[in-house]
Amino acid sequence: MDERRSTRVTRADVRAALMWALERDREALLAHRDAVHSNKSDLTRRRADKALVEQWRARTADTEQDTSRPE
């Protein structure tokens, strides 16, 4: 069976992505902050949240693959 992640962004995903960015990717965090605080639109916030979560998912998937490889 093919396992696929949902593309839907939940509040928990956004929170986890923000915590990840705070610890590991300051540039991603600042980009999200700039997008959200420069424009008060809900659409802008959702787009910034989605972009951050996509970065988090991609980077954590890379990390999980790197640590699961036997040496």
C-alpha atoms as a PDB file:
ATOM      1  CA  MET A   1       0.000   0.000   0.000  1.00  0.00           C
ATOM      2  CA  ASP A   2       1.263   3.455  -0.904  1.00  0.00           C
ATOM      3  CA  GLU A   3       1.533   5.671   2.148  1.00  0.00           C
ATOM      4  CA  ARG A   4       0.939   9.362   1.487  1.00  0.00           C
ATOM      5  CA  ARG A   5       0.855  12.344   3.780  1.00  0.00           C
ATOM      6  CA  SER A   6      -2.118  14.623   3.783  1.00  0.00           C
ATOM      7  CA  THR A   7      -1.545  17.972   2.118  1.00  0.00           C
ATOM      8  CA  ARG A   8      -3.964  19.601   4.546  1.00  0.00           C
ATOM      9  CA  VAL A   9      -2.304  21.927   7.050  1.00  0.00           C
ATOM     10  CA  THR A  10      -3.601  21.678  10.616  1.00  0.00           C
ATOM     11  CA  ARG A  11      -2.889  23.963  13.558  1.00  0.00           C
ATOM     12  CA  ALA A  12      -0.782  21.183  15.062  1.00  0.00           C
ATOM     13  CA  ASP A  13       1.269  21.036  11.848  1.00  0.00           C
ATOM     14  CA  VAL A  14       1.812  24.796  11.890  1.00  0.00           C
ATOM     15  CA  ARG A  15       2.807  24.731  15.543  1.00  0.00           C
ATOM     16  CA  ALA A  16       5.250  21.865  14.993  1.00  0.00           C
ATOM     17  CA  ALA A  17       6.698  23.611  11.934  1.00  0.00           C
ATOM     18  CA  LEU A  18       7.127  26.842  13.883  1.00  0.00           C
ATOM     19  CA  MET A  19       8.902  25.013  16.714  1.00  0.00           C
ATOM     20  CA  TRP A  20      11.129  23.247  14.180  1.00  0.00           C
ATOM     21  CA  ALA A  21      11.947  26.553  12.467  1.00  0.00           C
ATOM     22  CA  LEU A  22      12.638  28.222  15.801  1.00  0.00           C
ATOM     23  CA  GLU A  23      15.190  25.530  16.629  1.00  0.00           C
ATOM     24  CA  ARG A  24      16.655  24.722  13.219  1.00  0.00           C
ATOM     25  CA  ASP A  25      15.813  27.212  10.460  1.00  0.00           C
ATOM     26  CA  ARG A  26      15.748  30.836  11.508  1.00  0.00           C
ATOM     27  CA  GLU A  27      15.418  32.042   7.902  1.00  0.00           C
ATOM     28  CA  ALA A  28      12.227  30.025   7.408  1.00  0.00           C
ATOM     29  CA  LEU A  29      10.841  31.364  10.676  1.00  0.00           C
ATOM     30  CA  LEU A  30      11.612  34.975   9.754  1.00  0.00           C
ATOM     31  CA  ALA A  31      10.149  34.545   6.258  1.00  0.00           C
ATOM     32  CA  HIS A  32       6.925  33.190   7.781  1.00  0.00           C
ATOM     33  CA  ARG A  33       6.831  36.012  10.312  1.00  0.00           C
ATOM     34  CA  ASP A  34       7.395  38.680   7.662  1.00  0.00           C
ATOM     35  CA  ALA A  35       4.637  37.283   5.446  1.00  0.00           C
ATOM     36  CA  VAL A  36       2.142  37.013   8.285  1.00  0.00           C
ATOM     37  CA  HIS A  37       2.856  40.354   9.929  1.00  0.00           C
ATOM     38  CA  SER A  38       3.224  42.416   6.761  1.00  0.00           C
ATOM     39  CA  ASN A  39      -0.280  41.536   5.587  1.00  0.00           C
ATOM     40  CA  LYS A  40      -3.208  40.805   7.888  1.00  0.00           C
ATOM     41  CA  SER A  41      -5.106  38.796   5.265  1.00  0.00           C
ATOM     42  CA  ASP A  42      -6.248  35.287   6.223  1.00  0.00           C
ATOM     43  CA  LEU A  43      -5.253  34.056   2.782  1.00  0.00           C
ATOM     44  CA  THR A  44      -1.720  35.377   3.247  1.00  0.00           C
ATOM     45  CA  ARG A  45      -1.467  33.669   6.639  1.00  0.00           C
ATOM     46  CA  ARG A  46      -2.720  30.354   5.231  1.00  0.00           C
ATOM     47  CA  ARG A  47      -0.230  30.534   2.358  1.00  0.00           C
ATOM     48  CA  ALA A  48       2.643  31.331   4.738  1.00  0.00           C
ATOM     49  CA  ASP A  49       1.559  28.506   7.069  1.00  0.00           C
ATOM     50  CA  LYS A  50       1.356  26.059   4.166  1.00  0.00           C
ATOM     51  CA  ALA A  51       4.792  27.047   2.848  1.00  0.00           C
ATOM     52  CA  LEU A  52       6.371  26.644   6.284  1.00  0.00           C
ATOM     53  CA  VAL A  53       4.700  23.271   6.887  1.00  0.00           C
ATOM     54  CA  GLU A  54       5.824  22.040   3.459  1.00  0.00           C
ATOM     55  CA  GLN A  55       9.424  23.034   4.291  1.00  0.00           C
ATOM     56  CA  TRP A  56       9.172  21.326   7.679  1.00  0.00           C
ATOM     57  CA  ARG A  57       7.730  18.131   6.196  1.00  0.00           C
ATOM     58  CA  ALA A  58      10.369  17.991   3.459  1.00  0.00           C
ATOM     59  CA  ARG A  59      13.259  18.664   5.823  1.00  0.00           C
ATOM     60  CA  THR A  60      12.078  16.258   8.527  1.00  0.00           C
ATOM     61  CA  ALA A  61      11.441  13.559   5.897  1.00  0.00           C
ATOM     62  CA  ASP A  62      15.050  14.025   4.728  1.00  0.00           C
ATOM     63  CA  THR A  63      16.287  13.750   8.313  1.00  0.00           C
ATOM     64  CA  GLU A  64      14.233  10.604   8.976  1.00  0.00           C
ATOM     65  CA  GLN A  65      15.624   8.964   5.841  1.00  0.00           C
ATOM     66  CA  ASP A  66      19.203   9.898   6.794  1.00  0.00           C
ATOM     67  CA  THR A  67      18.881   8.438  10.306  1.00  0.00           C
ATOM     68  CA  SER A  68      17.137   5.256   9.184  1.00  0.00           C
ATOM     69  CA  ARG A  69      19.954   4.182   6.854  1.00  0.00           C
ATOM     70  CA  PRO A  70      22.124   1.440   8.320  1.00  0.00           C
ATOM     71  CA  GLU A  71      25.819   2.210   8.347  1.00  0.00           C
END
